[in-house]
Amino acid sequence: MQLVVFLFSLVVPCNFYRIPPHEEVARVARFVANQCNWASMATISTHEPVKGQPFSNAFSISDGPVGFGKGVPYMYLTHMEISVQDLEVNPQASLSMSLAQTDFCKNQGYDPQSPLCAHIILSGSVVEVNGTEGVFAKKALFSRHPEMVDWPTDHNWFFAKMNITKVWVLDYFGGVKTVTPDEYFQATPYKKHH
């Protein structure tokens, strides 16, 4: 069954799935998290001359195959990376993801900054994962980012996740909406048709 899900995720275009109605905020957040392949992570810099200031950097992410995500953004990190060095001092971070990286906003004629071009910000801390969760993280990431398999082993890569404490959603006019982690993880991003 896992092989079927994996193969299906490779051939299903991003626009195959429909974004949930904007009133269903938690579902929208889960949808965005599953559709996006990368996120901008903001940390508090530990590096001069911007020490103590916000510092944003792009990271490849995956919460699982498209259409079958778990909601947890996983990352493949190395201590050589400047933002990871920030996380070693302060693991608090935020991840921003936007449907602007898919065809959705372009096809609708939405500017990336428009609230109609749904985007989310996840607040929390970045923590290393291993064991069973590490195995899932590896499958989730390598299925969507296959070149990771060949990244240099001497960089001592490890799997990590965003431990979500708050979810911020911009998907319609009227300002940001917030979702608790419980609401976020209980939501189903895709309708099940019987």
N, C-alpha and C. Protein backbone atom coordinates (compact mmCIF):
# COMPACT_ATOMS: atom_id res chain seq x y z
N MET A 1 0.82 -1.20 0.00
CA MET A 1 0.00 0.00 0.00
C MET A 1 0.86 1.26 0.00
N GLN A 2 1.95 1.26 0.81
CA GLN A 2 2.82 2.43 0.85
C GLN A 2 3.42 2.72 -0.51
N LEU A 3 3.76 1.66 -1.26
CA LEU A 3 4.32 1.84 -2.59
C LEU A 3 3.30 2.49 -3.52
N VAL A 4 2.05 2.07 -3.43
CA VAL A 4 0.99 2.65 -4.26
C VAL A 4 0.82 4.13 -3.94
N VAL A 5 0.80 4.48 -2.65
CA VAL A 5 0.68 5.88 -2.24
C VAL A 5 1.85 6.69 -2.77
N PHE A 6 3.07 6.14 -2.63
CA PHE A 6 4.26 6.84 -3.10
C PHE A 6 4.20 7.06 -4.61
N LEU A 7 3.87 6.03 -5.38
CA LEU A 7 3.81 6.16 -6.84
C LEU A 7 2.72 7.13 -7.25
N PHE A 8 1.57 7.09 -6.57
CA PHE A 8 0.49 8.03 -6.86
C PHE A 8 0.94 9.46 -6.63
N SER A 9 1.72 9.68 -5.56
CA SER A 9 2.16 11.05 -5.24
C SER A 9 3.11 11.59 -6.29
N LEU A 10 3.80 10.72 -7.00
CA LEU A 10 4.74 11.17 -8.03
C LEU A 10 4.05 11.61 -9.31
N VAL A 11 2.86 11.09 -9.56
CA VAL A 11 2.20 11.39 -10.83
C VAL A 11 1.03 12.37 -10.70
N VAL A 12 0.63 12.69 -9.48
CA VAL A 12 -0.52 13.57 -9.28
C VAL A 12 -0.06 15.02 -9.32
N PRO A 13 -0.57 15.83 -10.25
CA PRO A 13 -0.18 17.23 -10.29
C PRO A 13 -0.73 17.99 -9.09
N CYS A 14 -0.02 19.06 -8.70
CA CYS A 14 -0.41 19.85 -7.53
C CYS A 14 -1.83 20.38 -7.64
N ASN A 15 -2.25 20.75 -8.84
CA ASN A 15 -3.57 21.35 -8.96
C ASN A 15 -4.68 20.30 -9.05
N PHE A 16 -4.34 19.02 -8.88
CA PHE A 16 -5.34 17.96 -8.87
C PHE A 16 -6.26 18.11 -7.66
N TYR A 17 -5.67 18.53 -6.55
CA TYR A 17 -6.43 18.70 -5.31
C TYR A 17 -6.96 20.12 -5.24
N ARG A 18 -8.14 20.28 -4.67
CA ARG A 18 -8.75 21.60 -4.54
C ARG A 18 -8.51 22.14 -3.14
N ILE A 19 -8.19 23.42 -3.09
CA ILE A 19 -7.99 24.07 -1.80
C ILE A 19 -9.31 24.07 -1.03
N PRO A 20 -9.27 23.79 0.26
CA PRO A 20 -10.51 23.83 1.06
C PRO A 20 -11.09 25.25 1.10
N PRO A 21 -12.37 25.39 1.43
CA PRO A 21 -12.97 26.72 1.56
C PRO A 21 -12.22 27.55 2.62
N HIS A 22 -12.10 28.85 2.40
CA HIS A 22 -11.30 29.69 3.29
C HIS A 22 -11.84 29.72 4.72
N GLU A 23 -13.11 29.41 4.90
CA GLU A 23 -13.68 29.37 6.26
C GLU A 23 -13.14 28.20 7.07
N GLU A 24 -12.65 27.18 6.40
CA GLU A 24 -12.12 25.99 7.07
C GLU A 24 -10.61 26.17 7.24
N VAL A 25 -10.27 27.04 8.16
CA VAL A 25 -8.90 27.55 8.29
C VAL A 25 -7.89 26.45 8.57
N ALA A 26 -8.19 25.54 9.47
CA ALA A 26 -7.25 24.46 9.80
C ALA A 26 -7.01 23.56 8.58
N ARG A 27 -8.06 23.29 7.82
CA ARG A 27 -7.91 22.47 6.60
C ARG A 27 -7.04 23.19 5.58
N VAL A 28 -7.24 24.51 5.44
CA VAL A 28 -6.41 25.29 4.51
C VAL A 28 -4.94 25.19 4.93
N ALA A 29 -4.67 25.33 6.22
CA ALA A 29 -3.29 25.25 6.70
C ALA A 29 -2.67 23.90 6.37
N ARG A 30 -3.39 22.83 6.62
CA ARG A 30 -2.87 21.50 6.31
C ARG A 30 -2.66 21.32 4.80
N PHE A 31 -3.57 21.88 4.01
CA PHE A 31 -3.46 21.80 2.55
C PHE A 31 -2.18 22.49 2.09
N VAL A 32 -1.95 23.71 2.57
CA VAL A 32 -0.75 24.45 2.17
C VAL A 32 0.51 23.69 2.58
N ALA A 33 0.53 23.18 3.81
CA ALA A 33 1.71 22.45 4.29
C ALA A 33 2.00 21.23 3.43
N ASN A 34 0.96 20.57 2.95
CA ASN A 34 1.17 19.37 2.14
C ASN A 34 1.53 19.68 0.70
N GLN A 35 1.06 20.79 0.17
CA GLN A 35 1.34 21.15 -1.22
C GLN A 35 2.74 21.73 -1.42
N CYS A 36 3.31 22.30 -0.38
CA CYS A 36 4.59 23.02 -0.51
C CYS A 36 5.79 22.10 -0.36
N ASN A 37 6.81 22.35 -1.17
CA ASN A 37 8.05 21.58 -1.13
C ASN A 37 9.17 22.31 -0.41
N TRP A 38 8.98 23.58 -0.13
CA TRP A 38 10.01 24.33 0.59
C TRP A 38 9.34 25.40 1.44
N ALA A 39 10.10 25.88 2.39
CA ALA A 39 9.61 26.92 3.29
C ALA A 39 10.74 27.89 3.59
N SER A 40 10.36 29.09 3.98
CA SER A 40 11.33 30.06 4.47
C SER A 40 11.32 29.96 5.99
N MET A 41 12.49 29.63 6.56
CA MET A 41 12.58 29.51 8.01
C MET A 41 13.27 30.73 8.59
N ALA A 42 12.62 31.36 9.55
CA ALA A 42 13.20 32.51 10.24
C ALA A 42 13.71 32.06 11.61
N THR A 43 14.96 32.40 11.88
CA THR A 43 15.59 32.13 13.17
C THR A 43 16.06 33.46 13.74
N ILE A 44 16.55 33.43 14.96
CA ILE A 44 17.22 34.60 15.54
C ILE A 44 18.71 34.39 15.33
N SER A 45 19.32 35.27 14.58
CA SER A 45 20.71 35.09 14.17
C SER A 45 21.68 35.12 15.35
N THR A 46 22.68 34.26 15.25
CA THR A 46 23.78 34.25 16.22
C THR A 46 25.06 34.74 15.57
N HIS A 47 24.96 35.26 14.36
CA HIS A 47 26.13 35.66 13.57
C HIS A 47 26.21 37.17 13.43
N GLU A 48 27.41 37.69 13.64
CA GLU A 48 27.65 39.12 13.41
C GLU A 48 27.64 39.37 11.91
N PRO A 49 27.21 40.50 11.45
CA PRO A 49 26.79 41.70 12.17
C PRO A 49 25.28 41.75 12.44
N VAL A 50 24.56 40.64 12.26
CA VAL A 50 23.11 40.66 12.45
C VAL A 50 22.69 39.86 13.69
N LYS A 51 23.60 39.64 14.60
CA LYS A 51 23.32 38.87 15.82
C LYS A 51 22.11 39.46 16.55
N GLY A 52 21.17 38.58 16.91
CA GLY A 52 19.97 39.00 17.63
C GLY A 52 18.84 39.45 16.74
N GLN A 53 19.07 39.51 15.43
CA GLN A 53 18.04 39.95 14.50
C GLN A 53 17.42 38.75 13.78
N PRO A 54 16.19 38.91 13.27
CA PRO A 54 15.59 37.82 12.49
C PRO A 54 16.43 37.52 11.25
N PHE A 55 16.52 36.24 10.91
CA PHE A 55 17.30 35.80 9.76
C PHE A 55 16.48 34.72 9.06
N SER A 56 16.22 34.91 7.77
CA SER A 56 15.36 33.99 7.03
C SER A 56 16.16 33.25 5.97
N ASN A 57 15.81 31.98 5.77
CA ASN A 57 16.56 31.12 4.87
C ASN A 57 15.60 30.06 4.30
N ALA A 58 15.83 29.63 3.08
CA ALA A 58 14.96 28.64 2.43
C ALA A 58 15.41 27.22 2.76
N PHE A 59 14.43 26.35 3.02
CA PHE A 59 14.70 24.94 3.31
C PHE A 59 13.70 24.06 2.58
N SER A 60 14.18 22.94 2.06
CA SER A 60 13.30 21.93 1.50
C SER A 60 12.57 21.25 2.65
N ILE A 61 11.29 21.01 2.45
CA ILE A 61 10.46 20.38 3.50
C ILE A 61 9.57 19.32 2.88
N SER A 62 9.00 18.49 3.74
CA SER A 62 7.96 17.55 3.33
C SER A 62 7.21 17.09 4.57
N ASP A 63 5.90 17.02 4.46
CA ASP A 63 5.11 16.43 5.55
C ASP A 63 4.58 15.06 5.12
N GLY A 64 5.08 14.56 3.99
CA GLY A 64 4.66 13.28 3.44
C GLY A 64 4.28 13.45 1.98
N PRO A 65 3.88 12.37 1.32
CA PRO A 65 3.50 12.47 -0.09
C PRO A 65 2.34 13.43 -0.30
N VAL A 66 2.30 14.07 -1.46
CA VAL A 66 1.19 14.97 -1.79
C VAL A 66 -0.11 14.17 -1.73
N GLY A 67 -1.05 14.70 -0.97
CA GLY A 67 -2.33 14.02 -0.79
C GLY A 67 -2.38 13.13 0.44
N PHE A 68 -1.22 12.89 1.05
CA PHE A 68 -1.16 11.96 2.18
C PHE A 68 -0.24 12.47 3.29
N GLY A 69 -0.15 13.78 3.44
CA GLY A 69 0.74 14.36 4.44
C GLY A 69 0.21 14.22 5.85
N LYS A 70 1.13 14.30 6.80
CA LYS A 70 0.79 14.20 8.23
C LYS A 70 0.71 15.56 8.90
N GLY A 71 1.14 16.63 8.20
CA GLY A 71 1.08 17.97 8.77
C GLY A 71 2.36 18.45 9.42
N VAL A 72 3.26 17.53 9.72
CA VAL A 72 4.53 17.88 10.37
C VAL A 72 5.57 18.17 9.29
N PRO A 73 6.11 19.39 9.23
CA PRO A 73 7.15 19.68 8.24
C PRO A 73 8.49 19.08 8.69
N TYR A 74 9.02 18.19 7.87
CA TYR A 74 10.32 17.58 8.13
C TYR A 74 11.38 18.26 7.27
N MET A 75 12.61 18.27 7.77
CA MET A 75 13.74 18.90 7.08
C MET A 75 14.96 17.99 7.20
N TYR A 76 15.89 18.16 6.27
CA TYR A 76 17.16 17.43 6.26
C TYR A 76 18.23 18.48 6.48
N LEU A 77 18.87 18.45 7.64
CA LEU A 77 19.73 19.55 8.06
C LEU A 77 21.16 19.10 8.35
N THR A 78 22.06 20.07 8.33
CA THR A 78 23.45 19.85 8.71
C THR A 78 23.88 20.98 9.63
N HIS A 79 24.75 20.67 10.59
CA HIS A 79 25.25 21.69 11.51
C HIS A 79 26.15 22.70 10.81
N MET A 80 26.51 22.43 9.56
CA MET A 80 27.32 23.37 8.79
C MET A 80 26.48 24.56 8.30
N GLU A 81 25.17 24.41 8.28
CA GLU A 81 24.27 25.42 7.73
C GLU A 81 24.09 26.56 8.74
N ILE A 82 24.12 27.79 8.25
CA ILE A 82 24.10 28.97 9.12
C ILE A 82 22.85 29.05 10.00
N SER A 83 21.68 28.73 9.47
CA SER A 83 20.46 28.79 10.27
C SER A 83 20.41 27.68 11.31
N VAL A 84 20.97 26.53 10.98
CA VAL A 84 21.03 25.43 11.95
C VAL A 84 21.92 25.83 13.12
N GLN A 85 22.97 26.57 12.85
CA GLN A 85 23.82 27.08 13.93
C GLN A 85 23.02 28.01 14.84
N ASP A 86 22.13 28.80 14.26
CA ASP A 86 21.23 29.63 15.07
C ASP A 86 20.34 28.76 15.95
N LEU A 87 19.81 27.69 15.37
CA LEU A 87 18.90 26.80 16.09
C LEU A 87 19.59 26.09 17.25
N GLU A 88 20.89 25.87 17.15
CA GLU A 88 21.63 25.24 18.24
C GLU A 88 21.63 26.12 19.48
N VAL A 89 21.58 27.43 19.29
CA VAL A 89 21.54 28.38 20.40
C VAL A 89 20.10 28.62 20.86
N ASN A 90 19.19 28.76 19.90
CA ASN A 90 17.78 29.00 20.19
C ASN A 90 16.95 28.23 19.17
N PRO A 91 16.33 27.12 19.57
CA PRO A 91 15.59 26.29 18.61
C PRO A 91 14.27 26.88 18.14
N GLN A 92 13.88 28.05 18.69
CA GLN A 92 12.63 28.68 18.28
C GLN A 92 12.77 29.22 16.85
N ALA A 93 11.74 28.99 16.06
CA ALA A 93 11.78 29.42 14.65
C ALA A 93 10.36 29.54 14.13
N SER A 94 10.25 30.07 12.93
CA SER A 94 8.97 30.06 12.23
C SER A 94 9.23 29.63 10.79
N LEU A 95 8.26 28.93 10.23
CA LEU A 95 8.32 28.47 8.84
C LEU A 95 7.18 29.13 8.08
N SER A 96 7.49 29.74 6.94
CA SER A 96 6.46 30.32 6.07
C SER A 96 6.37 29.50 4.80
N MET A 97 5.14 29.17 4.42
CA MET A 97 4.89 28.43 3.19
C MET A 97 3.75 29.11 2.44
N SER A 98 3.82 29.09 1.13
CA SER A 98 2.82 29.77 0.32
C SER A 98 2.46 28.96 -0.91
N LEU A 99 1.19 28.99 -1.28
CA LEU A 99 0.78 28.34 -2.53
C LEU A 99 1.33 29.06 -3.75
N ALA A 100 2.03 30.17 -3.55
CA ALA A 100 2.70 30.84 -4.66
C ALA A 100 3.75 29.94 -5.29
N GLN A 101 4.25 28.96 -4.54
CA GLN A 101 5.24 28.04 -5.11
C GLN A 101 4.60 26.92 -5.93
N THR A 102 3.28 26.84 -5.93
CA THR A 102 2.57 25.89 -6.78
C THR A 102 1.98 26.67 -7.96
N ASP A 103 1.21 26.01 -8.79
CA ASP A 103 0.55 26.68 -9.92
C ASP A 103 -0.74 27.39 -9.50
N PHE A 104 -1.20 27.15 -8.28
CA PHE A 104 -2.51 27.65 -7.85
C PHE A 104 -2.65 29.16 -8.02
N CYS A 105 -1.75 29.93 -7.42
CA CYS A 105 -1.89 31.40 -7.44
C CYS A 105 -1.72 31.96 -8.84
N LYS A 106 -0.77 31.42 -9.58
CA LYS A 106 -0.55 31.87 -10.95
C LYS A 106 -1.79 31.62 -11.80
N ASN A 107 -2.35 30.41 -11.68
CA ASN A 107 -3.53 30.06 -12.47
C ASN A 107 -4.74 30.92 -12.10
N GLN A 108 -4.83 31.36 -10.86
CA GLN A 108 -5.94 32.20 -10.41
C GLN A 108 -5.68 33.68 -10.66
N GLY A 109 -4.45 34.04 -11.05
CA GLY A 109 -4.09 35.43 -11.24
C GLY A 109 -3.84 36.18 -9.94
N TYR A 110 -3.46 35.44 -8.88
CA TYR A 110 -3.21 36.05 -7.58
C TYR A 110 -1.74 36.40 -7.43
N ASP A 111 -1.47 37.60 -6.95
CA ASP A 111 -0.12 37.99 -6.59
C ASP A 111 0.30 37.19 -5.35
N PRO A 112 1.59 36.82 -5.23
CA PRO A 112 2.03 36.06 -4.05
C PRO A 112 1.69 36.73 -2.71
N GLN A 113 1.61 38.06 -2.68
CA GLN A 113 1.31 38.75 -1.43
C GLN A 113 -0.19 38.85 -1.15
N SER A 114 -1.02 38.56 -2.14
CA SER A 114 -2.46 38.62 -1.95
C SER A 114 -2.89 37.59 -0.91
N PRO A 115 -3.81 37.96 -0.02
CA PRO A 115 -4.30 36.96 0.94
C PRO A 115 -5.02 35.80 0.26
N LEU A 116 -5.48 35.99 -0.97
CA LEU A 116 -6.12 34.90 -1.70
C LEU A 116 -5.13 33.83 -2.13
N CYS A 117 -3.86 34.20 -2.19
CA CYS A 117 -2.78 33.24 -2.46
C CYS A 117 -2.37 32.68 -1.10
N ALA A 118 -3.08 31.66 -0.67
CA ALA A 118 -2.98 31.17 0.71
C ALA A 118 -1.54 30.91 1.14
N HIS A 119 -1.24 31.41 2.34
CA HIS A 119 0.07 31.13 2.94
C HIS A 119 -0.08 30.98 4.44
N ILE A 120 0.85 30.23 5.01
CA ILE A 120 0.80 29.93 6.44
C ILE A 120 2.16 30.22 7.07
N ILE A 121 2.12 30.46 8.36
CA ILE A 121 3.33 30.61 9.16
C ILE A 121 3.17 29.69 10.35
N LEU A 122 4.12 28.79 10.51
CA LEU A 122 4.12 27.87 11.64
C LEU A 122 5.16 28.34 12.63
N SER A 123 4.76 28.54 13.88
CA SER A 123 5.68 28.93 14.94
C SER A 123 5.95 27.71 15.81
N GLY A 124 7.17 27.64 16.35
CA GLY A 124 7.52 26.54 17.23
C GLY A 124 9.01 26.39 17.37
N SER A 125 9.45 25.16 17.54
CA SER A 125 10.87 24.89 17.67
C SER A 125 11.25 23.75 16.73
N VAL A 126 12.50 23.77 16.31
CA VAL A 126 13.01 22.74 15.41
C VAL A 126 13.77 21.72 16.26
N VAL A 127 13.38 20.45 16.13
CA VAL A 127 13.99 19.39 16.92
C VAL A 127 14.39 18.23 16.01
N GLU A 128 15.47 17.57 16.37
CA GLU A 128 15.95 16.41 15.63
C GLU A 128 15.01 15.24 15.87
N VAL A 129 14.83 14.42 14.83
CA VAL A 129 14.02 13.20 14.96
C VAL A 129 14.86 12.00 14.56
N ASN A 130 14.57 10.88 15.20
CA ASN A 130 15.21 9.62 14.81
C ASN A 130 14.25 8.48 15.13
N GLY A 131 14.72 7.26 15.08
CA GLY A 131 13.85 6.12 15.29
C GLY A 131 12.79 6.02 14.20
N THR A 132 11.60 5.59 14.58
CA THR A 132 10.50 5.42 13.63
C THR A 132 10.15 6.73 12.94
N GLU A 133 10.16 7.83 13.70
CA GLU A 133 9.84 9.12 13.10
C GLU A 133 10.92 9.54 12.11
N GLY A 134 12.17 9.20 12.41
CA GLY A 134 13.26 9.49 11.49
C GLY A 134 13.11 8.74 10.18
N VAL A 135 12.66 7.50 10.26
CA VAL A 135 12.42 6.69 9.05
C VAL A 135 11.32 7.34 8.21
N PHE A 136 10.23 7.79 8.87
CA PHE A 136 9.16 8.46 8.13
C PHE A 136 9.68 9.75 7.50
N ALA A 137 10.46 10.53 8.26
CA ALA A 137 11.00 11.80 7.75
C ALA A 137 11.85 11.54 6.51
N LYS A 138 12.65 10.50 6.55
CA LYS A 138 13.51 10.16 5.40
C LYS A 138 12.66 9.84 4.18
N LYS A 139 11.65 9.01 4.34
CA LYS A 139 10.76 8.66 3.22
C LYS A 139 10.04 9.90 2.70
N ALA A 140 9.53 10.71 3.63
CA ALA A 140 8.78 11.92 3.25
C ALA A 140 9.66 12.86 2.44
N LEU A 141 10.88 13.09 2.91
CA LEU A 141 11.77 14.05 2.24
C LEU A 141 12.35 13.49 0.95
N PHE A 142 12.87 12.27 0.98
CA PHE A 142 13.53 11.72 -0.20
C PHE A 142 12.55 11.44 -1.33
N SER A 143 11.27 11.22 -1.01
CA SER A 143 10.28 11.00 -2.08
C SER A 143 10.00 12.30 -2.84
N ARG A 144 10.10 13.44 -2.16
CA ARG A 144 9.82 14.72 -2.80
C ARG A 144 11.08 15.47 -3.20
N HIS A 145 12.21 15.09 -2.64
CA HIS A 145 13.49 15.74 -2.93
C HIS A 145 14.54 14.65 -3.17
N PRO A 146 14.43 13.92 -4.30
CA PRO A 146 15.28 12.75 -4.51
C PRO A 146 16.78 13.04 -4.55
N GLU A 147 17.19 14.25 -4.89
CA GLU A 147 18.63 14.52 -4.94
C GLU A 147 19.27 14.50 -3.56
N MET A 148 18.47 14.60 -2.50
CA MET A 148 19.01 14.56 -1.14
C MET A 148 19.79 13.28 -0.87
N VAL A 149 19.39 12.20 -1.53
CA VAL A 149 20.06 10.91 -1.35
C VAL A 149 21.55 11.03 -1.64
N ASP A 150 21.91 11.89 -2.57
CA ASP A 150 23.30 12.01 -3.01
C ASP A 150 24.05 13.17 -2.36
N TRP A 151 23.47 13.83 -1.37
CA TRP A 151 24.18 14.93 -0.72
C TRP A 151 25.37 14.38 0.06
N PRO A 152 26.46 15.15 0.18
CA PRO A 152 27.71 14.65 0.78
C PRO A 152 27.51 14.10 2.20
N THR A 153 27.96 12.87 2.41
CA THR A 153 27.80 12.24 3.72
C THR A 153 28.67 12.89 4.79
N ASP A 154 29.77 13.53 4.38
CA ASP A 154 30.64 14.16 5.38
C ASP A 154 30.03 15.43 5.99
N HIS A 155 28.81 15.80 5.54
CA HIS A 155 28.12 16.95 6.13
C HIS A 155 27.30 16.55 7.37
N ASN A 156 27.28 15.23 7.65
CA ASN A 156 26.57 14.72 8.83
C ASN A 156 25.11 15.20 8.90
N TRP A 157 24.38 14.91 7.84
CA TRP A 157 22.98 15.30 7.75
C TRP A 157 22.16 14.60 8.82
N PHE A 158 21.10 15.25 9.26
CA PHE A 158 20.17 14.66 10.21
C PHE A 158 18.76 15.15 9.88
N PHE A 159 17.79 14.39 10.34
CA PHE A 159 16.38 14.74 10.10
C PHE A 159 15.84 15.53 11.28
N ALA A 160 15.03 16.51 10.98
CA ALA A 160 14.44 17.36 12.01
C ALA A 160 13.00 17.68 11.62
N LYS A 161 12.27 18.20 12.59
CA LYS A 161 10.88 18.61 12.33
C LYS A 161 10.61 19.92 13.04
N MET A 162 9.57 20.59 12.59
CA MET A 162 9.06 21.76 13.29
C MET A 162 8.06 21.25 14.32
N ASN A 163 8.36 21.47 15.59
CA ASN A 163 7.44 21.16 16.68
C ASN A 163 6.50 22.36 16.81
N ILE A 164 5.33 22.26 16.22
CA ILE A 164 4.42 23.40 16.03
C ILE A 164 3.72 23.79 17.33
N THR A 165 3.80 25.09 17.66
CA THR A 165 3.07 25.62 18.82
C THR A 165 1.95 26.57 18.41
N LYS A 166 2.01 27.12 17.20
CA LYS A 166 0.97 28.04 16.71
C LYS A 166 0.96 28.03 15.19
N VAL A 167 -0.21 28.16 14.62
CA VAL A 167 -0.38 28.20 13.17
C VAL A 167 -1.10 29.50 12.81
N TRP A 168 -0.50 30.23 11.89
CA TRP A 168 -1.06 31.49 11.39
C TRP A 168 -1.44 31.27 9.93
N VAL A 169 -2.65 31.69 9.56
CA VAL A 169 -3.15 31.43 8.21
C VAL A 169 -3.63 32.74 7.57
N LEU A 170 -3.14 33.00 6.37
CA LEU A 170 -3.62 34.11 5.54
C LEU A 170 -4.16 33.48 4.26
N ASP A 171 -5.49 33.42 4.16
CA ASP A 171 -6.09 32.77 2.99
C ASP A 171 -7.29 33.53 2.44
N TYR A 172 -7.57 34.70 3.03
CA TYR A 172 -8.72 35.49 2.59
C TYR A 172 -8.59 36.88 3.19
N PHE A 173 -9.45 37.78 2.79
CA PHE A 173 -9.43 39.14 3.32
C PHE A 173 -9.89 39.15 4.78
N GLY A 174 -9.46 40.15 5.53
CA GLY A 174 -9.90 40.28 6.91
C GLY A 174 -8.81 40.01 7.93
N GLY A 175 -7.61 39.76 7.49
CA GLY A 175 -6.51 39.58 8.43
C GLY A 175 -6.17 38.13 8.71
N VAL A 176 -5.12 37.98 9.48
CA VAL A 176 -4.60 36.65 9.80
C VAL A 176 -5.55 35.92 10.75
N LYS A 177 -5.62 34.61 10.58
CA LYS A 177 -6.39 33.76 11.48
C LYS A 177 -5.40 32.81 12.15
N THR A 178 -5.69 32.41 13.38
CA THR A 178 -4.80 31.47 14.07
C THR A 178 -5.52 30.16 14.32
N VAL A 179 -4.71 29.11 14.38
CA VAL A 179 -5.20 27.76 14.60
C VAL A 179 -4.30 27.13 15.65
N THR A 180 -4.87 26.39 16.57
CA THR A 180 -4.06 25.68 17.56
C THR A 180 -3.45 24.44 16.91
N PRO A 181 -2.37 23.90 17.48
CA PRO A 181 -1.82 22.65 16.94
C PRO A 181 -2.86 21.53 16.92
N ASP A 182 -3.69 21.43 17.96
CA ASP A 182 -4.71 20.37 17.97
C ASP A 182 -5.67 20.51 16.80
N GLU A 183 -6.15 21.72 16.55
CA GLU A 183 -7.06 21.95 15.42
C GLU A 183 -6.37 21.62 14.10
N TYR A 184 -5.11 22.02 14.00
CA TYR A 184 -4.32 21.79 12.78
C TYR A 184 -4.19 20.29 12.50
N PHE A 185 -3.76 19.53 13.50
CA PHE A 185 -3.52 18.11 13.27
C PHE A 185 -4.80 17.29 13.13
N GLN A 186 -5.91 17.78 13.67
CA GLN A 186 -7.18 17.07 13.51
C GLN A 186 -7.83 17.32 12.16
N ALA A 187 -7.40 18.37 11.48
CA ALA A 187 -8.01 18.73 10.19
C ALA A 187 -7.57 17.77 9.10
N THR A 188 -8.46 17.54 8.15
CA THR A 188 -8.13 16.74 6.97
C THR A 188 -8.07 17.68 5.77
N PRO A 189 -6.89 17.80 5.16
CA PRO A 189 -6.74 18.78 4.08
C PRO A 189 -7.50 18.43 2.81
N TYR A 190 -7.78 17.15 2.62
CA TYR A 190 -8.42 16.72 1.38
C TYR A 190 -9.73 16.03 1.70
N LYS A 191 -10.77 16.35 0.92
CA LYS A 191 -12.06 15.69 1.08
C LYS A 191 -11.93 14.24 0.66
N LYS A 192 -12.58 13.40 1.40
CA LYS A 192 -12.63 11.99 1.02
C LYS A 192 -13.94 11.76 0.28
N HIS A 193 -13.85 11.28 -0.95
CA HIS A 193 -15.04 11.03 -1.76
C HIS A 193 -15.37 9.54 -1.70
N HIS A 194 -16.62 9.25 -1.45
CA HIS A 194 -17.04 7.84 -1.34
C HIS A 194 -17.84 7.44 -2.54
